[in-house]
Amino acid sequence: MTASPRPAPPASAARGPTLLLLGTSSQSLAPRLEASGYGCLKGAPLDPGSWGTPDLVVLALEEAGAIPQLRRQFPAIPLLLDIEIDSVLGRSESLSWGAHDFWLSSAGPSDLLMRLRLHANLAKRSAARHDRLRLADLSLVPGRQEAWRGQRSLALTAREFALLQLLLDQAGEVVSRDTILQVVWPDQDSAASNIIEVYVRYLRQKLELEGERRLIHTVRGQGYCLAESVPKTLSKAPPKQAPQGQQRPATGAADPSAPASPQAASPEQP
């Protein structure tokens, strides 16, 4: 007698992280998220008892007021807040409200799915690492996605945190552009040519906001290095000699190695 095959699990069975969805814009994406393998909890913003035990929280813009309670109840869980349309003000406000990252409902489900994959990758890399990583007065807590410069808390987006953690994981060593793209932008087949320079600039601005010394160094032709002092490969590099008969560029000439302007990069997420 032939054994009957086991019934297939329902298509909506959760295979990945569980998401708590608060608000209309996030809950409307539940079917698409479930089809992508996520478990979805539709919670009531004013009823913490309905929030369950999620791995990530996805909020609509009108539910930003629930963030303080969410952070108290789930201190180690990433909170993603919808800012609807991408803007510098919207990004800034999402961080000031206490969200760890933002997403764009105007971009459809693809934007949220991309950000969820990024957070899943961060969680995998730091699942067994809850200790604080340190270099000089810079410290990171990967398990809680917290970053500090001295006593100053750093408000970093998920992409910024991933880049800084990668550099800190390999502190004192040069990390190539290819490695950075593979680790920090694994979800994109291609990125703006200067996207790394743009995010390094974002990080430097936040790390040096109060005049602190530079920790992220550019090693020309190789990549970037997080170190207390300029790497030897950069500090001992001989100056490039101009060919005989050719004048040196004027002092005020533009440096061709300088990073491109941030506006030239994709605005997908700082």
C-alpha atoms as a PDB file:
ATOM      1  CA  MET A   1       0.000   0.000   0.000  1.00  0.00           C
ATOM      2  CA  THR A   2       1.411   3.336  -1.047  1.00  0.00           C
ATOM      3  CA  ALA A   3       1.742   5.875   1.733  1.00  0.00           C
ATOM      4  CA  SER A   4      -0.213   9.067   1.285  1.00  0.00           C
ATOM      5  CA  PRO A   5       1.959  12.114   0.743  1.00  0.00           C
ATOM      6  CA  ARG A   6       2.128  14.640   3.527  1.00  0.00           C
ATOM      7  CA  PRO A   7      -0.020  17.699   2.958  1.00  0.00           C
ATOM      8  CA  ALA A   8       1.947  20.780   1.917  1.00  0.00           C
ATOM      9  CA  PRO A   9       2.091  23.586   4.467  1.00  0.00           C
ATOM     10  CA  PRO A  10      -0.138  26.563   3.717  1.00  0.00           C
ATOM     11  CA  ALA A  11       1.414  29.224   1.519  1.00  0.00           C
ATOM     12  CA  SER A  12       1.087  31.774   4.310  1.00  0.00           C
ATOM     13  CA  ALA A  13       3.073  29.668   6.820  1.00  0.00           C
ATOM     14  CA  ALA A  14       5.824  31.786   8.320  1.00  0.00           C
ATOM     15  CA  ARG A  15       9.312  30.742   7.216  1.00  0.00           C
ATOM     16  CA  GLY A  16      11.185  33.881   8.203  1.00  0.00           C
ATOM     17  CA  PRO A  17      11.149  36.606  10.850  1.00  0.00           C
ATOM     18  CA  THR A  18       7.893  37.652  12.468  1.00  0.00           C
ATOM     19  CA  LEU A  19       6.824  41.234  11.807  1.00  0.00           C
ATOM     20  CA  LEU A  20       4.579  43.349  13.981  1.00  0.00           C
ATOM     21  CA  LEU A  21       2.568  45.615  11.674  1.00  0.00           C
ATOM     22  CA  LEU A  22       1.078  48.772  13.170  1.00  0.00           C
ATOM     23  CA  GLY A  23      -0.999  51.140  11.060  1.00  0.00           C
ATOM     24  CA  THR A  24      -2.736  51.083   7.711  1.00  0.00           C
ATOM     25  CA  SER A  25       0.223  51.397   5.332  1.00  0.00           C
ATOM     26  CA  SER A  26       2.108  48.526   6.965  1.00  0.00           C
ATOM     27  CA  GLN A  27      -0.856  46.205   7.503  1.00  0.00           C
ATOM     28  CA  SER A  28      -1.959  46.616   3.889  1.00  0.00           C
ATOM     29  CA  LEU A  29       1.296  44.911   2.839  1.00  0.00           C
ATOM     30  CA  ALA A  30       0.671  41.803   4.971  1.00  0.00           C
ATOM     31  CA  PRO A  31      -0.280  39.541   2.007  1.00  0.00           C
ATOM     32  CA  ARG A  32       2.858  40.511   0.093  1.00  0.00           C
ATOM     33  CA  LEU A  33       5.058  40.084   3.170  1.00  0.00           C
ATOM     34  CA  GLU A  34       3.577  36.682   3.961  1.00  0.00           C
ATOM     35  CA  ALA A  35       4.119  35.594   0.356  1.00  0.00           C
ATOM     36  CA  SER A  36       7.790  36.548   0.852  1.00  0.00           C
ATOM     37  CA  GLY A  37       8.086  34.277   3.872  1.00  0.00           C
ATOM     38  CA  TYR A  38       7.460  36.635   6.781  1.00  0.00           C
ATOM     39  CA  GLY A  39       5.067  36.009   9.612  1.00  0.00           C
ATOM     40  CA  CYS A  40       2.773  38.976  10.200  1.00  0.00           C
ATOM     41  CA  LEU A  41       1.112  40.172  13.396  1.00  0.00           C
ATOM     42  CA  LYS A  42      -1.461  42.928  12.989  1.00  0.00           C
ATOM     43  CA  GLY A  43      -1.339  44.730  16.295  1.00  0.00           C
ATOM     44  CA  ALA A  44      -3.386  47.557  17.744  1.00  0.00           C
ATOM     45  CA  PRO A  45      -1.211  50.616  18.471  1.00  0.00           C
ATOM     46  CA  LEU A  46      -2.899  51.306  21.824  1.00  0.00           C
ATOM     47  CA  ASP A  47      -2.942  47.664  22.951  1.00  0.00           C
ATOM     48  CA  PRO A  48       0.563  46.348  23.792  1.00  0.00           C
ATOM     49  CA  GLY A  49      -1.015  43.010  24.629  1.00  0.00           C
ATOM     50  CA  SER A  50      -1.714  42.500  20.922  1.00  0.00           C
ATOM     51  CA  TRP A  51       1.911  42.973  19.891  1.00  0.00           C
ATOM     52  CA  GLY A  52       3.084  39.403  20.520  1.00  0.00           C
ATOM     53  CA  THR A  53       6.822  38.641  20.238  1.00  0.00           C
ATOM     54  CA  PRO A  54       8.008  40.009  16.890  1.00  0.00           C
ATOM     55  CA  ASP A  55      11.482  40.072  15.377  1.00  0.00           C
ATOM     56  CA  LEU A  56      10.928  43.474  13.732  1.00  0.00           C
ATOM     57  CA  VAL A  57       8.274  46.191  13.939  1.00  0.00           C
ATOM     58  CA  VAL A  58       6.949  48.012  10.860  1.00  0.00           C
ATOM     59  CA  LEU A  59       4.988  51.172  11.612  1.00  0.00           C
ATOM     60  CA  ALA A  60       2.829  53.501   9.567  1.00  0.00           C
ATOM     61  CA  LEU A  61       3.634  57.182   9.915  1.00  0.00           C
ATOM     62  CA  GLU A  62       0.534  57.934  11.974  1.00  0.00           C
ATOM     63  CA  GLU A  63       1.628  55.378  14.593  1.00  0.00           C
ATOM     64  CA  ALA A  64       4.945  57.075  15.438  1.00  0.00           C
ATOM     65  CA  GLY A  65       3.515  57.873  18.870  1.00  0.00           C
ATOM     66  CA  ALA A  66       3.760  54.172  19.792  1.00  0.00           C
ATOM     67  CA  ILE A  67       7.564  54.144  19.420  1.00  0.00           C
ATOM     68  CA  PRO A  68       8.430  55.038  23.067  1.00  0.00           C
ATOM     69  CA  GLN A  69       6.335  52.124  24.377  1.00  0.00           C
ATOM     70  CA  LEU A  70       7.717  49.817  21.685  1.00  0.00           C
ATOM     71  CA  ARG A  71      11.290  50.670  22.673  1.00  0.00           C
ATOM     72  CA  ARG A  72      10.509  49.965  26.321  1.00  0.00           C
ATOM     73  CA  GLN A  73       8.812  46.658  25.503  1.00  0.00           C
ATOM     74  CA  PHE A  74      11.216  45.535  22.756  1.00  0.00           C
ATOM     75  CA  PRO A  75      14.562  47.273  23.456  1.00  0.00           C
ATOM     76  CA  ALA A  76      16.571  45.051  21.073  1.00  0.00           C
ATOM     77  CA  ILE A  77      14.120  44.908  18.151  1.00  0.00           C
ATOM     78  CA  PRO A  78      14.516  47.189  15.093  1.00  0.00           C
ATOM     79  CA  LEU A  79      11.646  49.618  14.502  1.00  0.00           C
ATOM     80  CA  LEU A  80      10.998  50.733  10.901  1.00  0.00           C
ATOM     81  CA  LEU A  81       8.838  53.837  10.450  1.00  0.00           C
ATOM     82  CA  ASP A  82       7.082  54.777   7.233  1.00  0.00           C
ATOM     83  CA  ILE A  83       7.980  58.322   6.127  1.00  0.00           C
ATOM     84  CA  GLU A  84       5.870  57.916   2.959  1.00  0.00           C
ATOM     85  CA  ILE A  85       7.991  60.128   0.657  1.00  0.00           C
ATOM     86  CA  ASP A  86      11.794  60.295   0.845  1.00  0.00           C
ATOM     87  CA  SER A  87      13.156  63.585   2.172  1.00  0.00           C
ATOM     88  CA  VAL A  88      15.957  64.748   4.428  1.00  0.00           C
ATOM     89  CA  LEU A  89      13.387  66.087   6.900  1.00  0.00           C
ATOM     90  CA  GLY A  90      11.492  62.799   6.932  1.00  0.00           C
ATOM     91  CA  ARG A  91      14.635  60.792   7.584  1.00  0.00           C
ATOM     92  CA  SER A  92      15.687  63.127  10.381  1.00  0.00           C
ATOM     93  CA  GLU A  93      12.270  63.034  12.024  1.00  0.00           C
ATOM     94  CA  SER A  94      12.113  59.227  11.899  1.00  0.00           C
ATOM     95  CA  LEU A  95      15.332  59.067  13.926  1.00  0.00           C
ATOM     96  CA  SER A  96      14.213  61.795  16.328  1.00  0.00           C
ATOM     97  CA  TRP A  97      11.010  59.842  16.999  1.00  0.00           C
ATOM     98  CA  GLY A  98      13.173  56.884  18.010  1.00  0.00           C
ATOM     99  CA  ALA A  99      12.906  54.602  14.964  1.00  0.00           C
ATOM    100  CA  HIS A 100      15.970  52.602  13.954  1.00  0.00           C
ATOM    101  CA  ASP A 101      15.259  52.939  10.247  1.00  0.00           C
ATOM    102  CA  PHE A 102      12.637  54.217   7.818  1.00  0.00           C
ATOM    103  CA  TRP A 103      10.753  52.793   4.834  1.00  0.00           C
ATOM    104  CA  LEU A 104       8.844  54.384   1.963  1.00  0.00           C
ATOM    105  CA  SER A 105       5.244  53.307   1.365  1.00  0.00           C
ATOM    106  CA  SER A 106       5.256  55.429  -1.807  1.00  0.00           C
ATOM    107  CA  ALA A 107       7.869  53.069  -3.283  1.00  0.00           C
ATOM    108  CA  GLY A 108       5.683  49.993  -2.893  1.00  0.00           C
ATOM    109  CA  PRO A 109       6.571  46.750  -1.096  1.00  0.00           C
ATOM    110  CA  SER A 110       9.997  46.443  -2.759  1.00  0.00           C
ATOM    111  CA  ASP A 111      11.508  49.188  -0.580  1.00  0.00           C
ATOM    112  CA  LEU A 112      10.291  47.598   2.650  1.00  0.00           C
ATOM    113  CA  LEU A 113      11.397  44.113   1.564  1.00  0.00           C
ATOM    114  CA  MET A 114      14.880  45.442   0.764  1.00  0.00           C
ATOM    115  CA  ARG A 115      15.187  47.024   4.210  1.00  0.00           C
ATOM    116  CA  LEU A 116      13.893  43.898   5.930  1.00  0.00           C
ATOM    117  CA  ARG A 117      16.557  41.822   4.148  1.00  0.00           C
ATOM    118  CA  LEU A 118      19.214  44.259   5.307  1.00  0.00           C
ATOM    119  CA  HIS A 119      18.077  43.992   8.932  1.00  0.00           C
ATOM    120  CA  ALA A 120      17.931  40.198   8.631  1.00  0.00           C
ATOM    121  CA  ASN A 121      21.547  40.176   7.430  1.00  0.00           C
ATOM    122  CA  LEU A 122      22.574  42.416  10.316  1.00  0.00           C
ATOM    123  CA  ALA A 123      20.792  40.132  12.779  1.00  0.00           C
ATOM    124  CA  LYS A 124      22.557  37.043  11.400  1.00  0.00           C
ATOM    125  CA  ARG A 125      25.955  38.682  11.659  1.00  0.00           C
ATOM    126  CA  SER A 126      25.405  39.817  15.229  1.00  0.00           C
ATOM    127  CA  ALA A 127      23.222  36.971  16.559  1.00  0.00           C
ATOM    128  CA  ALA A 128      26.044  35.544  18.653  1.00  0.00           C
ATOM    129  CA  ARG A 129      27.702  38.895  19.323  1.00  0.00           C
ATOM    130  CA  HIS A 130      26.199  40.976  22.087  1.00  0.00           C
ATOM    131  CA  ASP A 131      29.495  42.252  23.458  1.00  0.00           C
ATOM    132  CA  ARG A 132      30.505  45.832  22.880  1.00  0.00           C
ATOM    133  CA  LEU A 133      33.010  46.434  20.072  1.00  0.00           C
ATOM    134  CA  ARG A 134      35.490  49.225  20.758  1.00  0.00           C
ATOM    135  CA  LEU A 135      38.118  51.364  19.100  1.00  0.00           C
ATOM    136  CA  ALA A 136      39.384  54.421  20.965  1.00  0.00           C
ATOM    137  CA  ASP A 137      36.219  56.219  22.165  1.00  0.00           C
ATOM    138  CA  LEU A 138      34.014  54.549  19.531  1.00  0.00           C
ATOM    139  CA  SER A 139      31.866  51.621  20.645  1.00  0.00           C
ATOM    140  CA  LEU A 140      29.161  49.485  19.028  1.00  0.00           C
ATOM    141  CA  VAL A 141      26.714  46.981  20.501  1.00  0.00           C
ATOM    142  CA  PRO A 142      25.761  44.838  17.476  1.00  0.00           C
ATOM    143  CA  GLY A 143      23.017  42.939  19.270  1.00  0.00           C
ATOM    144  CA  ARG A 144      21.152  46.173  20.022  1.00  0.00           C
ATOM    145  CA  GLN A 145      22.372  48.187  17.024  1.00  0.00           C
ATOM    146  CA  GLU A 146      23.677  50.929  19.307  1.00  0.00           C
ATOM    147  CA  ALA A 147      26.681  53.119  18.553  1.00  0.00           C
ATOM    148  CA  TRP A 148      28.500  55.629  20.763  1.00  0.00           C
ATOM    149  CA  ARG A 149      31.315  58.143  20.371  1.00  0.00           C
ATOM    150  CA  GLY A 150      32.422  58.727  23.932  1.00  0.00           C
ATOM    151  CA  GLN A 151      29.248  59.525  25.858  1.00  0.00           C
ATOM    152  CA  ARG A 152      27.436  60.673  22.716  1.00  0.00           C
ATOM    153  CA  SER A 153      24.892  58.309  21.177  1.00  0.00           C
ATOM    154  CA  LEU A 154      25.068  58.082  17.385  1.00  0.00           C
ATOM    155  CA  ALA A 155      21.806  58.007  15.417  1.00  0.00           C
ATOM    156  CA  LEU A 156      22.699  55.669  12.548  1.00  0.00           C
ATOM    157  CA  THR A 157      20.505  54.154   9.881  1.00  0.00           C
ATOM    158  CA  ALA A 158      20.758  50.416   9.216  1.00  0.00           C
ATOM    159  CA  ARG A 159      23.048  50.919   6.220  1.00  0.00           C
ATOM    160  CA  GLU A 160      25.348  53.269   8.143  1.00  0.00           C
ATOM    161  CA  PHE A 161      25.486  50.838  11.062  1.00  0.00           C
ATOM    162  CA  ALA A 162      26.313  47.929   8.735  1.00  0.00           C
ATOM    163  CA  LEU A 163      29.176  49.883   7.161  1.00  0.00           C
ATOM    164  CA  LEU A 164      30.573  51.029  10.508  1.00  0.00           C
ATOM    165  CA  GLN A 165      30.342  47.526  11.980  1.00  0.00           C
ATOM    166  CA  LEU A 166      32.164  46.069   8.980  1.00  0.00           C
ATOM    167  CA  LEU A 167      34.987  48.582   9.375  1.00  0.00           C
ATOM    168  CA  LEU A 168      35.146  48.010  13.135  1.00  0.00           C
ATOM    169  CA  ASP A 169      35.166  44.227  12.669  1.00  0.00           C
ATOM    170  CA  GLN A 170      38.355  44.708  10.652  1.00  0.00           C
ATOM    171  CA  ALA A 171      39.784  47.658  12.577  1.00  0.00           C
ATOM    172  CA  GLY A 172      43.337  48.503  11.538  1.00  0.00           C
ATOM    173  CA  GLU A 173      42.953  46.709   8.209  1.00  0.00           C
ATOM    174  CA  VAL A 174      42.029  48.102   4.825  1.00  0.00           C
ATOM    175  CA  VAL A 175      38.558  46.998   3.675  1.00  0.00           C
ATOM    176  CA  SER A 176      38.215  47.003  -0.093  1.00  0.00           C
ATOM    177  CA  ARG A 177      35.364  48.602  -2.013  1.00  0.00           C
ATOM    178  CA  ASP A 178      34.298  45.188  -3.344  1.00  0.00           C
ATOM    179  CA  THR A 179      34.014  43.800   0.185  1.00  0.00           C
ATOM    180  CA  ILE A 180      31.980  46.792   1.313  1.00  0.00           C
ATOM    181  CA  LEU A 181      29.572  46.446  -1.606  1.00  0.00           C
ATOM    182  CA  GLN A 182      29.149  42.701  -1.001  1.00  0.00           C
ATOM    183  CA  VAL A 183      28.447  43.098   2.725  1.00  0.00           C
ATOM    184  CA  VAL A 184      26.593  46.403   2.975  1.00  0.00           C
ATOM    185  CA  TRP A 185      24.770  46.384  -0.383  1.00  0.00           C
ATOM    186  CA  PRO A 186      24.177  42.643  -1.010  1.00  0.00           C
ATOM    187  CA  ASP A 187      20.652  43.298  -2.258  1.00  0.00           C
ATOM    188  CA  GLN A 188      21.658  45.540  -5.156  1.00  0.00           C
ATOM    189  CA  ASP A 189      23.238  44.336  -8.395  1.00  0.00           C
ATOM    190  CA  SER A 190      24.693  47.775  -8.928  1.00  0.00           C
ATOM    191  CA  ALA A 191      24.949  50.978  -6.953  1.00  0.00           C
ATOM    192  CA  ALA A 192      25.859  54.549  -7.741  1.00  0.00           C
ATOM    193  CA  SER A 193      29.580  54.748  -8.441  1.00  0.00           C
ATOM    194  CA  ASN A 194      30.206  56.995  -5.443  1.00  0.00           C
ATOM    195  CA  ILE A 195      27.749  55.416  -3.003  1.00  0.00           C
ATOM    196  CA  ILE A 196      30.523  54.234  -0.649  1.00  0.00           C
ATOM    197  CA  GLU A 197      32.133  57.674  -0.538  1.00  0.00           C
ATOM    198  CA  VAL A 198      28.746  59.202   0.225  1.00  0.00           C
ATOM    199  CA  TYR A 199      28.088  56.892   3.176  1.00  0.00           C
ATOM    200  CA  VAL A 200      31.636  57.281   4.485  1.00  0.00           C
ATOM    201  CA  ARG A 201      31.001  61.011   4.423  1.00  0.00           C
ATOM    202  CA  TYR A 202      27.725  60.539   6.333  1.00  0.00           C
ATOM    203  CA  LEU A 203      29.558  58.483   8.970  1.00  0.00           C
ATOM    204  CA  ARG A 204      32.426  60.949   9.274  1.00  0.00           C
ATOM    205  CA  GLN A 205      29.979  63.800   9.802  1.00  0.00           C
ATOM    206  CA  LYS A 206      28.288  61.923  12.641  1.00  0.00           C
ATOM    207  CA  LEU A 207      31.492  60.589  14.189  1.00  0.00           C
ATOM    208  CA  GLU A 208      33.201  63.994  14.099  1.00  0.00           C
ATOM    209  CA  LEU A 209      30.173  66.137  14.937  1.00  0.00           C
ATOM    210  CA  GLU A 210      31.796  67.637  18.042  1.00  0.00           C
ATOM    211  CA  GLY A 211      35.310  67.926  16.653  1.00  0.00           C
ATOM    212  CA  GLU A 212      36.474  64.417  17.496  1.00  0.00           C
ATOM    213  CA  ARG A 213      39.515  63.090  15.653  1.00  0.00           C
ATOM    214  CA  ARG A 214      39.049  61.159  12.421  1.00  0.00           C
ATOM    215  CA  LEU A 215      38.812  57.372  12.661  1.00  0.00           C
ATOM    216  CA  ILE A 216      37.740  56.420   9.118  1.00  0.00           C
ATOM    217  CA  HIS A 217      40.671  56.828   6.733  1.00  0.00           C
ATOM    218  CA  THR A 218      40.708  56.610   2.950  1.00  0.00           C
ATOM    219  CA  VAL A 219      43.503  54.446   1.542  1.00  0.00           C
ATOM    220  CA  ARG A 220      43.741  55.559  -2.057  1.00  0.00           C
ATOM    221  CA  GLY A 221      43.356  52.765  -4.570  1.00  0.00           C
ATOM    222  CA  GLN A 222      42.616  50.189  -1.832  1.00  0.00           C
ATOM    223  CA  GLY A 223      39.596  51.074   0.280  1.00  0.00           C
ATOM    224  CA  TYR A 224      38.888  52.309   3.792  1.00  0.00           C
ATOM    225  CA  CYS A 225      40.371  51.660   7.207  1.00  0.00           C
ATOM    226  CA  LEU A 226      39.025  52.312  10.703  1.00  0.00           C
ATOM    227  CA  ALA A 227      42.005  53.122  12.919  1.00  0.00           C
ATOM    228  CA  GLU A 228      43.160  55.557  15.601  1.00  0.00           C
ATOM    229  CA  SER A 229      45.855  56.910  13.285  1.00  0.00           C
ATOM    230  CA  VAL A 230      46.445  57.081   9.560  1.00  0.00           C
ATOM    231  CA  PRO A 231      47.325  53.589   8.233  1.00  0.00           C
ATOM    232  CA  LYS A 232      50.971  53.064   7.295  1.00  0.00           C
ATOM    233  CA  THR A 233      50.003  52.195   3.729  1.00  0.00           C
ATOM    234  CA  LEU A 234      48.627  55.706   3.440  1.00  0.00           C
ATOM    235  CA  SER A 235      50.948  57.732   5.672  1.00  0.00           C
ATOM    236  CA  LYS A 236      54.105  56.316   4.090  1.00  0.00           C
ATOM    237  CA  ALA A 237      52.906  56.476   0.491  1.00  0.00           C
ATOM    238  CA  PRO A 238      55.466  58.494  -1.512  1.00  0.00           C
ATOM    239  CA  PRO A 239      54.149  61.687  -3.050  1.00  0.00           C
ATOM    240  CA  LYS A 240      53.319  61.421  -6.709  1.00  0.00           C
ATOM    241  CA  GLN A 241      55.976  63.206  -8.779  1.00  0.00           C
ATOM    242  CA  ALA A 242      54.948  65.315 -11.721  1.00  0.00           C
ATOM    243  CA  PRO A 243      56.728  64.402 -14.996  1.00  0.00           C
ATOM    244  CA  GLN A 244      59.609  66.642 -15.965  1.00  0.00           C
ATOM    245  CA  GLY A 245      58.534  69.605 -18.003  1.00  0.00           C
ATOM    246  CA  GLN A 246      55.002  69.419 -16.616  1.00  0.00           C
ATOM    247  CA  GLN A 247      53.923  72.041 -14.114  1.00  0.00           C
ATOM    248  CA  ARG A 248      52.440  71.017 -10.815  1.00  0.00           C
ATOM    249  CA  PRO A 249      48.769  71.878 -10.413  1.00  0.00           C
ATOM    250  CA  ALA A 250      48.024  75.139  -8.649  1.00  0.00           C
ATOM    251  CA  THR A 251      47.453  74.958  -4.901  1.00  0.00           C
ATOM    252  CA  GLY A 252      43.779  75.715  -5.284  1.00  0.00           C
ATOM    253  CA  ALA A 253      43.178  73.101  -8.000  1.00  0.00           C
ATOM    254  CA  ALA A 254      40.479  70.534  -7.349  1.00  0.00           C
ATOM    255  CA  ASP A 255      41.646  67.206  -5.952  1.00  0.00           C
ATOM    256  CA  PRO A 256      40.599  64.515  -8.477  1.00  0.00           C
ATOM    257  CA  SER A 257      40.582  61.909  -5.701  1.00  0.00           C
ATOM    258  CA  ALA A 258      38.072  63.808  -3.603  1.00  0.00           C
ATOM    259  CA  PRO A 259      34.735  62.004  -3.056  1.00  0.00           C
ATOM    260  CA  ALA A 260      31.899  63.008  -5.297  1.00  0.00           C
ATOM    261  CA  SER A 261      29.061  65.088  -3.957  1.00  0.00           C
ATOM    262  CA  PRO A 262      26.430  63.135  -2.011  1.00  0.00           C
ATOM    263  CA  GLN A 263      23.742  64.360  -4.397  1.00  0.00           C
ATOM    264  CA  ALA A 264      25.205  62.156  -7.120  1.00  0.00           C
ATOM    265  CA  ALA A 265      24.408  58.973  -5.233  1.00  0.00           C
ATOM    266  CA  SER A 266      21.192  57.050  -5.084  1.00  0.00           C
ATOM    267  CA  PRO A 267      18.950  58.465  -2.343  1.00  0.00           C
ATOM    268  CA  GLU A 268      17.859  55.001  -1.207  1.00  0.00           C
ATOM    269  CA  GLN A 269      19.144  55.214   2.336  1.00  0.00           C
ATOM    270  CA  PRO A 270      21.901  56.946   4.252  1.00  0.00           C
END
